[in-house]
Amino acid sequence: MLRYLPFLLILALTIYAFIDCLNTPEEEVKSLPKGVWVLIILLFSIVGPVVWLLAGKKRTAAGGGGGFGGGFGGGGRARRTQWVAPDDNPEFLRSLRKDEEKDKDKDDQG
């Protein structure tokens, strides 16, 4: 069973780098076009994913930036729009309140 571990780790690294490359916006890809990076990741199973993770994408320090103790140099996560869970999304909560008010108005009128 242990003899399969290196193969599985290489496969996992390749899949991770491939998906990361596909999800990276074109303006954040460094040096080469995204299509070339995908080919490098898929053709060179160990070297390709490692090179992508080290040099293929503009990376910023982890953390939210600003505030207390969040990362080094301001973090770049705030630039990119991130998915927010519905219960944390102010717009979604606002729309629920509006729907609730409309339902109350209908019940009061009818």
PDB file of N, CA and C in Angstrom:
ATOM      1  N   MET A   1       0.820  -1.192   0.000  1.00  0.00           N
ATOM      2  CA  MET A   1       0.000   0.000   0.000  1.00  0.00           C
ATOM      3  C   MET A   1       0.866   1.259   0.000  1.00  0.00           C
ATOM      4  N   LEU A   2       1.959   1.219   0.732  1.00  0.00           N
ATOM      5  CA  LEU A   2       2.834   2.377   0.830  1.00  0.00           C
ATOM      6  C   LEU A   2       3.519   2.700  -0.501  1.00  0.00           C
ATOM      7  N   ARG A   3       3.650   1.692  -1.350  1.00  0.00           N
ATOM      8  CA  ARG A   3       4.314   1.934  -2.634  1.00  0.00           C
ATOM      9  C   ARG A   3       3.478   2.820  -3.555  1.00  0.00           C
ATOM     10  N   TYR A   4       2.179   2.966  -3.295  1.00  0.00           N
ATOM     11  CA  TYR A   4       1.319   3.821  -4.108  1.00  0.00           C
ATOM     12  C   TYR A   4       1.337   5.278  -3.648  1.00  0.00           C
ATOM     13  N   LEU A   5       1.857   5.531  -2.466  1.00  0.00           N
ATOM     14  CA  LEU A   5       1.832   6.872  -1.896  1.00  0.00           C
ATOM     15  C   LEU A   5       2.536   7.916  -2.772  1.00  0.00           C
ATOM     16  N   PRO A   6       3.753   7.680  -3.259  1.00  0.00           N
ATOM     17  CA  PRO A   6       4.384   8.697  -4.115  1.00  0.00           C
ATOM     18  C   PRO A   6       3.547   9.015  -5.359  1.00  0.00           C
ATOM     19  N   PHE A   7       2.988   7.988  -5.981  1.00  0.00           N
ATOM     20  CA  PHE A   7       2.147   8.209  -7.158  1.00  0.00           C
ATOM     21  C   PHE A   7       0.930   9.059  -6.806  1.00  0.00           C
ATOM     22  N   LEU A   8       0.287   8.762  -5.675  1.00  0.00           N
ATOM     23  CA  LEU A   8      -0.896   9.511  -5.268  1.00  0.00           C
ATOM     24  C   LEU A   8      -0.552  10.958  -4.913  1.00  0.00           C
ATOM     25  N   LEU A   9       0.598  11.174  -4.284  1.00  0.00           N
ATOM     26  CA  LEU A   9       1.020  12.539  -3.959  1.00  0.00           C
ATOM     27  C   LEU A   9       1.302  13.353  -5.219  1.00  0.00           C
ATOM     28  N   ILE A  10       1.964  12.737  -6.193  1.00  0.00           N
ATOM     29  CA  ILE A  10       2.233  13.421  -7.462  1.00  0.00           C
ATOM     30  C   ILE A  10       0.929  13.736  -8.180  1.00  0.00           C
ATOM     31  N   LEU A  11       0.015  12.781  -8.175  1.00  0.00           N
ATOM     32  CA  LEU A  11      -1.282  12.989  -8.814  1.00  0.00           C
ATOM     33  C   LEU A  11      -2.056  14.117  -8.122  1.00  0.00           C
ATOM     34  N   ALA A  12      -2.054  14.130  -6.803  1.00  0.00           N
ATOM     35  CA  ALA A  12      -2.754  15.174  -6.054  1.00  0.00           C
ATOM     36  C   ALA A  12      -2.138  16.553  -6.328  1.00  0.00           C
ATOM     37  N   LEU A  13      -0.812  16.624  -6.358  1.00  0.00           N
ATOM     38  CA  LEU A  13      -0.137  17.881  -6.651  1.00  0.00           C
ATOM     39  C   LEU A  13      -0.477  18.371  -8.051  1.00  0.00           C
ATOM     40  N   THR A  14      -0.485  17.463  -9.019  1.00  0.00           N
ATOM     41  CA  THR A  14      -0.805  17.827 -10.397  1.00  0.00           C
ATOM     42  C   THR A  14      -2.245  18.326 -10.511  1.00  0.00           C
ATOM     43  N   ILE A  15      -3.171  17.631  -9.880  1.00  0.00           N
ATOM     44  CA  ILE A  15      -4.580  18.047  -9.930  1.00  0.00           C
ATOM     45  C   ILE A  15      -4.761  19.405  -9.262  1.00  0.00           C
ATOM     46  N   TYR A  16      -4.120  19.601  -8.111  1.00  0.00           N
ATOM     47  CA  TYR A  16      -4.226  20.886  -7.417  1.00  0.00           C
ATOM     48  C   TYR A  16      -3.693  22.027  -8.292  1.00  0.00           C
ATOM     49  N   ALA A  17      -2.503  21.837  -8.857  1.00  0.00           N
ATOM     50  CA  ALA A  17      -1.897  22.892  -9.683  1.00  0.00           C
ATOM     51  C   ALA A  17      -2.736  23.152 -10.935  1.00  0.00           C
ATOM     52  N   PHE A  18      -3.277  22.104 -11.526  1.00  0.00           N
ATOM     53  CA  PHE A  18      -4.110  22.240 -12.725  1.00  0.00           C
ATOM     54  C   PHE A  18      -5.353  23.074 -12.407  1.00  0.00           C
ATOM     55  N   ILE A  19      -6.045  22.746 -11.343  1.00  0.00           N
ATOM     56  CA  ILE A  19      -7.262  23.485 -10.972  1.00  0.00           C
ATOM     57  C   ILE A  19      -6.913  24.914 -10.562  1.00  0.00           C
ATOM     58  N   ASP A  20      -5.817  25.090  -9.838  1.00  0.00           N
ATOM     59  CA  ASP A  20      -5.385  26.424  -9.435  1.00  0.00           C
ATOM     60  C   ASP A  20      -5.090  27.277 -10.662  1.00  0.00           C
ATOM     61  N   CYS A  21      -4.436  26.694 -11.646  1.00  0.00           N
ATOM     62  CA  CYS A  21      -4.117  27.415 -12.874  1.00  0.00           C
ATOM     63  C   CYS A  21      -5.398  27.800 -13.617  1.00  0.00           C
ATOM     64  N   LEU A  22      -6.328  26.880 -13.736  1.00  0.00           N
ATOM     65  CA  LEU A  22      -7.574  27.176 -14.442  1.00  0.00           C
ATOM     66  C   LEU A  22      -8.395  28.247 -13.735  1.00  0.00           C
ATOM     67  N   ASN A  23      -8.343  28.297 -12.409  1.00  0.00           N
ATOM     68  CA  ASN A  23      -9.130  29.269 -11.651  1.00  0.00           C
ATOM     69  C   ASN A  23      -8.452  30.626 -11.493  1.00  0.00           C
ATOM     70  N   THR A  24      -7.204  30.729 -11.916  1.00  0.00           N
ATOM     71  CA  THR A  24      -6.465  31.986 -11.791  1.00  0.00           C
ATOM     72  C   THR A  24      -6.846  32.931 -12.926  1.00  0.00           C
ATOM     73  N   PRO A  25      -7.219  34.170 -12.596  1.00  0.00           N
ATOM     74  CA  PRO A  25      -7.520  35.138 -13.662  1.00  0.00           C
ATOM     75  C   PRO A  25      -6.299  35.375 -14.548  1.00  0.00           C
ATOM     76  N   GLU A  26      -6.544  35.628 -15.812  1.00  0.00           N
ATOM     77  CA  GLU A  26      -5.467  35.788 -16.795  1.00  0.00           C
ATOM     78  C   GLU A  26      -4.471  36.875 -16.390  1.00  0.00           C
ATOM     79  N   GLU A  27      -4.954  37.950 -15.760  1.00  0.00           N
ATOM     80  CA  GLU A  27      -4.052  39.050 -15.398  1.00  0.00           C
ATOM     81  C   GLU A  27      -3.134  38.705 -14.224  1.00  0.00           C
ATOM     82  N   GLU A  28      -3.391  37.618 -13.516  1.00  0.00           N
ATOM     83  CA  GLU A  28      -2.529  37.217 -12.404  1.00  0.00           C
ATOM     84  C   GLU A  28      -1.518  36.138 -12.807  1.00  0.00           C
ATOM     85  N   VAL A  29      -1.565  35.677 -14.050  1.00  0.00           N
ATOM     86  CA  VAL A  29      -0.636  34.658 -14.522  1.00  0.00           C
ATOM     87  C   VAL A  29       0.642  35.347 -14.986  1.00  0.00           C
ATOM     88  N   LYS A  30       1.791  34.848 -14.507  1.00  0.00           N
ATOM     89  CA  LYS A  30       3.077  35.461 -14.839  1.00  0.00           C
ATOM     90  C   LYS A  30       3.769  34.702 -15.964  1.00  0.00           C
ATOM     91  N   SER A  31       4.610  35.394 -16.688  1.00  0.00           N
ATOM     92  CA  SER A  31       5.574  34.866 -17.644  1.00  0.00           C
ATOM     93  C   SER A  31       4.970  34.276 -18.914  1.00  0.00           C
ATOM     94  N   LEU A  32       4.089  33.323 -18.816  1.00  0.00           N
ATOM     95  CA  LEU A  32       3.552  32.622 -19.980  1.00  0.00           C
ATOM     96  C   LEU A  32       2.034  32.704 -20.003  1.00  0.00           C
ATOM     97  N   PRO A  33       1.428  32.496 -21.181  1.00  0.00           N
ATOM     98  CA  PRO A  33      -0.039  32.442 -21.227  1.00  0.00           C
ATOM     99  C   PRO A  33      -0.568  31.252 -20.424  1.00  0.00           C
ATOM    100  N   LYS A  34      -1.803  31.356 -19.991  1.00  0.00           N
ATOM    101  CA  LYS A  34      -2.401  30.320 -19.151  1.00  0.00           C
ATOM    102  C   LYS A  34      -2.417  28.964 -19.839  1.00  0.00           C
ATOM    103  N   GLY A  35      -2.699  28.914 -21.121  1.00  0.00           N
ATOM    104  CA  GLY A  35      -2.722  27.652 -21.863  1.00  0.00           C
ATOM    105  C   GLY A  35      -1.380  26.936 -21.842  1.00  0.00           C
ATOM    106  N   VAL A  36      -0.311  27.700 -21.933  1.00  0.00           N
ATOM    107  CA  VAL A  36       1.030  27.110 -21.881  1.00  0.00           C
ATOM    108  C   VAL A  36       1.293  26.542 -20.490  1.00  0.00           C
ATOM    109  N   TRP A  37       0.859  27.258 -19.462  1.00  0.00           N
ATOM    110  CA  TRP A  37       1.018  26.751 -18.093  1.00  0.00           C
ATOM    111  C   TRP A  37       0.255  25.446 -17.897  1.00  0.00           C
ATOM    112  N   VAL A  38      -0.946  25.361 -18.452  1.00  0.00           N
ATOM    113  CA  VAL A  38      -1.722  24.129 -18.326  1.00  0.00           C
ATOM    114  C   VAL A  38      -0.963  22.968 -18.974  1.00  0.00           C
ATOM    115  N   LEU A  39      -0.407  23.203 -20.161  1.00  0.00           N
ATOM    116  CA  LEU A  39       0.369  22.146 -20.828  1.00  0.00           C
ATOM    117  C   LEU A  39       1.596  21.748 -20.012  1.00  0.00           C
ATOM    118  N   ILE A  40       2.288  22.722 -19.459  1.00  0.00           N
ATOM    119  CA  ILE A  40       3.468  22.421 -18.640  1.00  0.00           C
ATOM    120  C   ILE A  40       3.074  21.584 -17.426  1.00  0.00           C
ATOM    121  N   ILE A  41       1.982  21.953 -16.774  1.00  0.00           N
ATOM    122  CA  ILE A  41       1.527  21.215 -15.586  1.00  0.00           C
ATOM    123  C   ILE A  41       1.175  19.787 -15.949  1.00  0.00           C
ATOM    124  N   LEU A  42       0.487  19.592 -17.074  1.00  0.00           N
ATOM    125  CA  LEU A  42       0.039  18.253 -17.443  1.00  0.00           C
ATOM    126  C   LEU A  42       1.148  17.386 -18.046  1.00  0.00           C
ATOM    127  N   LEU A  43       2.084  17.978 -18.774  1.00  0.00           N
ATOM    128  CA  LEU A  43       3.130  17.191 -19.437  1.00  0.00           C
ATOM    129  C   LEU A  43       4.301  16.842 -18.524  1.00  0.00           C
ATOM    130  N   PHE A  44       4.629  17.727 -17.610  1.00  0.00           N
ATOM    131  CA  PHE A  44       5.770  17.493 -16.727  1.00  0.00           C
ATOM    132  C   PHE A  44       5.242  17.277 -15.309  1.00  0.00           C
ATOM    133  N   SER A  45       4.963  16.040 -14.986  1.00  0.00           N
ATOM    134  CA  SER A  45       4.154  15.700 -13.824  1.00  0.00           C
ATOM    135  C   SER A  45       4.688  16.208 -12.477  1.00  0.00           C
ATOM    136  N   ILE A  46       5.965  16.217 -12.228  1.00  0.00           N
ATOM    137  CA  ILE A  46       6.470  16.699 -10.941  1.00  0.00           C
ATOM    138  C   ILE A  46       6.937  18.145 -11.065  1.00  0.00           C
ATOM    139  N   VAL A  47       7.723  18.408 -12.092  1.00  0.00           N
ATOM    140  CA  VAL A  47       8.325  19.729 -12.258  1.00  0.00           C
ATOM    141  C   VAL A  47       7.278  20.785 -12.609  1.00  0.00           C
ATOM    142  N   GLY A  48       6.343  20.456 -13.488  1.00  0.00           N
ATOM    143  CA  GLY A  48       5.339  21.416 -13.938  1.00  0.00           C
ATOM    144  C   GLY A  48       4.516  22.013 -12.802  1.00  0.00           C
ATOM    145  N   PRO A  49       3.877  21.183 -11.975  1.00  0.00           N
ATOM    146  CA  PRO A  49       3.096  21.746 -10.864  1.00  0.00           C
ATOM    147  C   PRO A  49       3.944  22.557  -9.879  1.00  0.00           C
ATOM    148  N   VAL A  50       5.150  22.094  -9.600  1.00  0.00           N
ATOM    149  CA  VAL A  50       6.013  22.816  -8.655  1.00  0.00           C
ATOM    150  C   VAL A  50       6.394  24.179  -9.230  1.00  0.00           C
ATOM    151  N   VAL A  51       6.743  24.222 -10.514  1.00  0.00           N
ATOM    152  CA  VAL A  51       7.108  25.492 -11.139  1.00  0.00           C
ATOM    153  C   VAL A  51       5.903  26.432 -11.159  1.00  0.00           C
ATOM    154  N   TRP A  52       4.708  25.895 -11.452  1.00  0.00           N
ATOM    155  CA  TRP A  52       3.504  26.731 -11.422  1.00  0.00           C
ATOM    156  C   TRP A  52       3.292  27.331 -10.031  1.00  0.00           C
ATOM    157  N   LEU A  53       3.405  26.508  -9.012  1.00  0.00           N
ATOM    158  CA  LEU A  53       3.149  26.985  -7.658  1.00  0.00           C
ATOM    159  C   LEU A  53       4.198  27.996  -7.199  1.00  0.00           C
ATOM    160  N   LEU A  54       5.423  27.867  -7.682  1.00  0.00           N
ATOM    161  CA  LEU A  54       6.483  28.780  -7.264  1.00  0.00           C
ATOM    162  C   LEU A  54       6.569  30.037  -8.123  1.00  0.00           C
ATOM    163  N   ALA A  55       6.330  29.914  -9.436  1.00  0.00           N
ATOM    164  CA  ALA A  55       6.619  31.043 -10.311  1.00  0.00           C
ATOM    165  C   ALA A  55       5.509  31.399 -11.287  1.00  0.00           C
ATOM    166  N   GLY A  56       4.444  30.648 -11.349  1.00  0.00           N
ATOM    167  CA  GLY A  56       3.459  30.876 -12.397  1.00  0.00           C
ATOM    168  C   GLY A  56       2.384  31.886 -12.077  1.00  0.00           C
ATOM    169  N   LYS A  57       2.239  32.256 -10.832  1.00  0.00           N
ATOM    170  CA  LYS A  57       1.118  33.091 -10.426  1.00  0.00           C
ATOM    171  C   LYS A  57       1.607  34.194  -9.503  1.00  0.00           C
ATOM    172  N   LYS A  58       1.019  35.370  -9.649  1.00  0.00           N
ATOM    173  CA  LYS A  58       1.345  36.454  -8.730  1.00  0.00           C
ATOM    174  C   LYS A  58       0.784  36.090  -7.370  1.00  0.00           C
ATOM    175  N   ARG A  59       1.635  35.919  -6.409  1.00  0.00           N
ATOM    176  CA  ARG A  59       1.221  35.537  -5.054  1.00  0.00           C
ATOM    177  C   ARG A  59       1.365  36.745  -4.141  1.00  0.00           C
ATOM    178  N   THR A  60       0.474  36.820  -3.165  1.00  0.00           N
ATOM    179  CA  THR A  60       0.567  37.859  -2.148  1.00  0.00           C
ATOM    180  C   THR A  60       0.588  37.189  -0.794  1.00  0.00           C
ATOM    181  N   ALA A  61       0.964  37.940   0.207  1.00  0.00           N
ATOM    182  CA  ALA A  61       1.020  37.389   1.559  1.00  0.00           C
ATOM    183  C   ALA A  61      -0.370  36.986   2.011  1.00  0.00           C
ATOM    184  N   ALA A  62      -0.430  35.937   2.793  1.00  0.00           N
ATOM    185  CA  ALA A  62      -1.716  35.474   3.321  1.00  0.00           C
ATOM    186  C   ALA A  62      -2.238  36.458   4.333  1.00  0.00           C
ATOM    187  N   GLY A  63      -3.542  36.468   4.521  1.00  0.00           N
ATOM    188  CA  GLY A  63      -4.148  37.357   5.501  1.00  0.00           C
ATOM    189  C   GLY A  63      -4.982  38.405   4.818  1.00  0.00           C
ATOM    190  N   GLY A  64      -5.832  39.022   5.593  1.00  0.00           N
ATOM    191  CA  GLY A  64      -6.761  39.991   5.057  1.00  0.00           C
ATOM    192  C   GLY A  64      -6.162  41.355   4.811  1.00  0.00           C
ATOM    193  N   GLY A  65      -4.982  41.607   5.320  1.00  0.00           N
ATOM    194  CA  GLY A  65      -4.365  42.901   5.155  1.00  0.00           C
ATOM    195  C   GLY A  65      -5.025  43.934   6.046  1.00  0.00           C
ATOM    196  N   GLY A  66      -4.296  44.947   6.415  1.00  0.00           N
ATOM    197  CA  GLY A  66      -4.846  45.982   7.274  1.00  0.00           C
ATOM    198  C   GLY A  66      -5.267  45.379   8.607  1.00  0.00           C
ATOM    199  N   GLY A  67      -5.802  46.174   9.465  1.00  0.00           N
ATOM    200  CA  GLY A  67      -6.318  45.652  10.726  1.00  0.00           C
ATOM    201  C   GLY A  67      -5.213  45.129  11.620  1.00  0.00           C
ATOM    202  N   PHE A  68      -5.541  44.181  12.448  1.00  0.00           N
ATOM    203  CA  PHE A  68      -4.603  43.666  13.438  1.00  0.00           C
ATOM    204  C   PHE A  68      -3.978  42.367  12.990  1.00  0.00           C
ATOM    205  N   GLY A  69      -2.665  42.348  12.856  1.00  0.00           N
ATOM    206  CA  GLY A  69      -1.902  41.128  12.627  1.00  0.00           C
ATOM    207  C   GLY A  69      -2.271  40.324  11.403  1.00  0.00           C
ATOM    208  N   GLY A  70      -2.777  40.924  10.358  1.00  0.00           N
ATOM    209  CA  GLY A  70      -3.198  40.149   9.196  1.00  0.00           C
ATOM    210  C   GLY A  70      -2.180  40.166   8.088  1.00  0.00           C
ATOM    211  N   GLY A  71      -1.263  39.237   8.037  1.00  0.00           N
ATOM    212  CA  GLY A  71      -0.371  39.068   6.901  1.00  0.00           C
ATOM    213  C   GLY A  71       0.731  40.103   6.831  1.00  0.00           C
ATOM    214  N   PHE A  72       1.510  40.016   5.743  1.00  0.00           N
ATOM    215  CA  PHE A  72       2.644  40.896   5.536  1.00  0.00           C
ATOM    216  C   PHE A  72       2.357  41.784   4.344  1.00  0.00           C
ATOM    217  N   GLY A  73       2.396  43.061   4.516  1.00  0.00           N
ATOM    218  CA  GLY A  73       2.309  43.981   3.408  1.00  0.00           C
ATOM    219  C   GLY A  73       0.922  44.181   2.823  1.00  0.00           C
ATOM    220  N   GLY A  74      -0.112  43.917   3.518  1.00  0.00           N
ATOM    221  CA  GLY A  74      -1.425  44.304   3.062  1.00  0.00           C
ATOM    222  C   GLY A  74      -2.247  43.241   2.392  1.00  0.00           C
ATOM    223  N   GLY A  75      -1.730  42.081   2.117  1.00  0.00           N
ATOM    224  CA  GLY A  75      -2.533  40.991   1.562  1.00  0.00           C
ATOM    225  C   GLY A  75      -3.293  41.387   0.324  1.00  0.00           C
ATOM    226  N   GLY A  76      -3.385  40.529  -0.658  1.00  0.00           N
ATOM    227  CA  GLY A  76      -4.057  40.857  -1.899  1.00  0.00           C
ATOM    228  C   GLY A  76      -5.430  40.256  -2.017  1.00  0.00           C
ATOM    229  N   ARG A  77      -5.916  39.561  -1.033  1.00  0.00           N
ATOM    230  CA  ARG A  77      -7.205  38.891  -1.119  1.00  0.00           C
ATOM    231  C   ARG A  77      -8.347  39.879  -1.282  1.00  0.00           C
ATOM    232  N   ALA A  78      -8.212  41.081  -0.749  1.00  0.00           N
ATOM    233  CA  ALA A  78      -9.307  42.034  -0.805  1.00  0.00           C
ATOM    234  C   ALA A  78      -9.582  42.486  -2.239  1.00  0.00           C
ATOM    235  N   ARG A  79      -8.602  42.392  -3.127  1.00  0.00           N
ATOM    236  CA  ARG A  79      -8.796  42.808  -4.510  1.00  0.00           C
ATOM    237  C   ARG A  79      -9.786  41.928  -5.231  1.00  0.00           C
ATOM    238  N   ARG A  80      -9.663  40.634  -5.035  1.00  0.00           N
ATOM    239  CA  ARG A  80     -10.474  39.677  -5.770  1.00  0.00           C
ATOM    240  C   ARG A  80     -11.802  39.451  -5.044  1.00  0.00           C
ATOM    241  N   THR A  81     -12.860  39.379  -5.814  1.00  0.00           N
ATOM    242  CA  THR A  81     -14.157  39.109  -5.226  1.00  0.00           C
ATOM    243  C   THR A  81     -14.199  37.656  -4.791  1.00  0.00           C
ATOM    244  N   GLN A  82     -14.582  37.440  -3.539  1.00  0.00           N
ATOM    245  CA  GLN A  82     -14.651  36.086  -3.026  1.00  0.00           C
ATOM    246  C   GLN A  82     -16.086  35.698  -2.779  1.00  0.00           C
ATOM    247  N   TRP A  83     -16.341  34.418  -2.858  1.00  0.00           N
ATOM    248  CA  TRP A  83     -17.655  33.888  -2.557  1.00  0.00           C
ATOM    249  C   TRP A  83     -17.886  34.018  -1.064  1.00  0.00           C
ATOM    250  N   VAL A  84     -19.094  34.427  -0.696  1.00  0.00           N
ATOM    251  CA  VAL A  84     -19.458  34.598   0.704  1.00  0.00           C
ATOM    252  C   VAL A  84     -20.674  33.733   0.980  1.00  0.00           C
ATOM    253  N   ALA A  85     -20.656  33.041   2.085  1.00  0.00           N
ATOM    254  CA  ALA A  85     -21.791  32.202   2.465  1.00  0.00           C
ATOM    255  C   ALA A  85     -23.037  33.076   2.598  1.00  0.00           C
ATOM    256  N   PRO A  86     -24.212  32.555   2.237  1.00  0.00           N
ATOM    257  CA  PRO A  86     -25.432  33.368   2.273  1.00  0.00           C
ATOM    258  C   PRO A  86     -25.712  33.992   3.636  1.00  0.00           C
ATOM    259  N   ASP A  87     -25.438  33.276   4.709  1.00  0.00           N
ATOM    260  CA  ASP A  87     -25.730  33.841   6.026  1.00  0.00           C
ATOM    261  C   ASP A  87     -24.751  34.939   6.436  1.00  0.00           C
ATOM    262  N   ASP A  88     -23.657  35.122   5.678  1.00  0.00           N
ATOM    263  CA  ASP A  88     -22.704  36.196   5.938  1.00  0.00           C
ATOM    264  C   ASP A  88     -22.782  37.312   4.902  1.00  0.00           C
ATOM    265  N   ASN A  89     -23.614  37.124   3.886  1.00  0.00           N
ATOM    266  CA  ASN A  89     -23.689  38.067   2.791  1.00  0.00           C
ATOM    267  C   ASN A  89     -24.737  39.133   3.097  1.00  0.00           C
ATOM    268  N   PRO A  90     -24.310  40.402   3.291  1.00  0.00           N
ATOM    269  CA  PRO A  90     -25.261  41.461   3.647  1.00  0.00           C
ATOM    270  C   PRO A  90     -26.343  41.676   2.590  1.00  0.00           C
ATOM    271  N   GLU A  91     -25.996  41.552   1.311  1.00  0.00           N
ATOM    272  CA  GLU A  91     -26.993  41.740   0.256  1.00  0.00           C
ATOM    273  C   GLU A  91     -28.079  40.670   0.331  1.00  0.00           C
ATOM    274  N   PHE A  92     -27.674  39.433   0.567  1.00  0.00           N
ATOM    275  CA  PHE A  92     -28.643  38.345   0.673  1.00  0.00           C
ATOM    276  C   PHE A  92     -29.551  38.555   1.875  1.00  0.00           C
ATOM    277  N   LEU A  93     -28.974  38.938   3.004  1.00  0.00           N
ATOM    278  CA  LEU A  93     -29.773  39.174   4.208  1.00  0.00           C
ATOM    279  C   LEU A  93     -30.750  40.330   3.999  1.00  0.00           C
ATOM    280  N   ARG A  94     -30.292  41.370   3.281  1.00  0.00           N
ATOM    281  CA  ARG A  94     -31.159  42.502   2.973  1.00  0.00           C
ATOM    282  C   ARG A  94     -32.335  42.060   2.105  1.00  0.00           C
ATOM    283  N   SER A  95     -32.061  41.215   1.122  1.00  0.00           N
ATOM    284  CA  SER A  95     -33.138  40.738   0.244  1.00  0.00           C
ATOM    285  C   SER A  95     -34.135  39.877   1.024  1.00  0.00           C
ATOM    286  N   LEU A  96     -33.657  39.106   1.992  1.00  0.00           N
ATOM    287  CA  LEU A  96     -34.574  38.321   2.818  1.00  0.00           C
ATOM    288  C   LEU A  96     -35.491  39.228   3.634  1.00  0.00           C
ATOM    289  N   ARG A  97     -34.904  40.301   4.189  1.00  0.00           N
ATOM    290  CA  ARG A  97     -35.722  41.239   4.965  1.00  0.00           C
ATOM    291  C   ARG A  97     -36.785  41.901   4.091  1.00  0.00           C
ATOM    292  N   LYS A  98     -36.405  42.281   2.870  1.00  0.00           N
ATOM    293  CA  LYS A  98     -37.368  42.898   1.954  1.00  0.00           C
ATOM    294  C   LYS A  98     -38.482  41.923   1.610  1.00  0.00           C
ATOM    295  N   ASP A  99     -38.129  40.672   1.342  1.00  0.00           N
ATOM    296  CA  ASP A  99     -39.144  39.662   1.041  1.00  0.00           C
ATOM    297  C   ASP A  99     -40.075  39.456   2.225  1.00  0.00           C
ATOM    298  N   GLU A 100     -39.505  39.465   3.415  1.00  0.00           N
ATOM    299  CA  GLU A 100     -40.314  39.288   4.627  1.00  0.00           C
ATOM    300  C   GLU A 100     -41.277  40.460   4.813  1.00  0.00           C
ATOM    301  N   GLU A 101     -40.791  41.675   4.539  1.00  0.00           N
ATOM    302  CA  GLU A 101     -41.659  42.850   4.648  1.00  0.00           C
ATOM    303  C   GLU A 101     -42.784  42.801   3.618  1.00  0.00           C
ATOM    304  N   LYS A 102     -42.476  42.352   2.383  1.00  0.00           N
ATOM    305  CA  LYS A 102     -43.497  42.225   1.351  1.00  0.00           C
ATOM    306  C   LYS A 102     -44.555  41.208   1.768  1.00  0.00           C
ATOM    307  N   ASP A 103     -44.113  40.105   2.338  1.00  0.00           N
ATOM    308  CA  ASP A 103     -45.058  39.084   2.803  1.00  0.00           C
ATOM    309  C   ASP A 103     -45.948  39.631   3.915  1.00  0.00           C
ATOM    310  N   LYS A 104     -45.376  40.422   4.830  1.00  0.00           N
ATOM    311  CA  LYS A 104     -46.162  41.018   5.912  1.00  0.00           C
ATOM    312  C   LYS A 104     -47.207  41.978   5.344  1.00  0.00           C
ATOM    313  N   ASP A 105     -46.791  42.780   4.353  1.00  0.00           N
ATOM    314  CA  ASP A 105     -47.710  43.734   3.743  1.00  0.00           C
ATOM    315  C   ASP A 105     -48.858  42.997   3.050  1.00  0.00           C
ATOM    316  N   LYS A 106     -48.552  41.894   2.386  1.00  0.00           N
ATOM    317  CA  LYS A 106     -49.595  41.115   1.725  1.00  0.00           C
ATOM    318  C   LYS A 106     -50.569  40.535   2.751  1.00  0.00           C
ATOM    319  N   ASP A 107     -50.036  40.020   3.850  1.00  0.00           N
ATOM    320  CA  ASP A 107     -50.880  39.457   4.888  1.00  0.00           C
ATOM    321  C   ASP A 107     -51.755  40.530   5.541  1.00  0.00           C
ATOM    322  N   ASP A 108     -51.196  41.737   5.756  1.00  0.00           N
ATOM    323  CA  ASP A 108     -51.950  42.825   6.365  1.00  0.00           C
ATOM    324  C   ASP A 108     -53.060  43.323   5.450  1.00  0.00           C
ATOM    325  N   GLN A 109     -52.792  43.353   4.143  1.00  0.00           N
ATOM    326  CA  GLN A 109     -53.777  43.840   3.184  1.00  0.00           C
ATOM    327  C   GLN A 109     -54.837  42.794   2.869  1.00  0.00           C
ATOM    328  N   GLY A 110     -54.450  41.544   2.895  1.00  0.00           N
ATOM    329  CA  GLY A 110     -55.376  40.505   2.453  1.00  0.00           C
ATOM    330  C   GLY A 110     -56.119  39.844   3.515  1.00  0.00           C
TER     331      GLY A 110
END
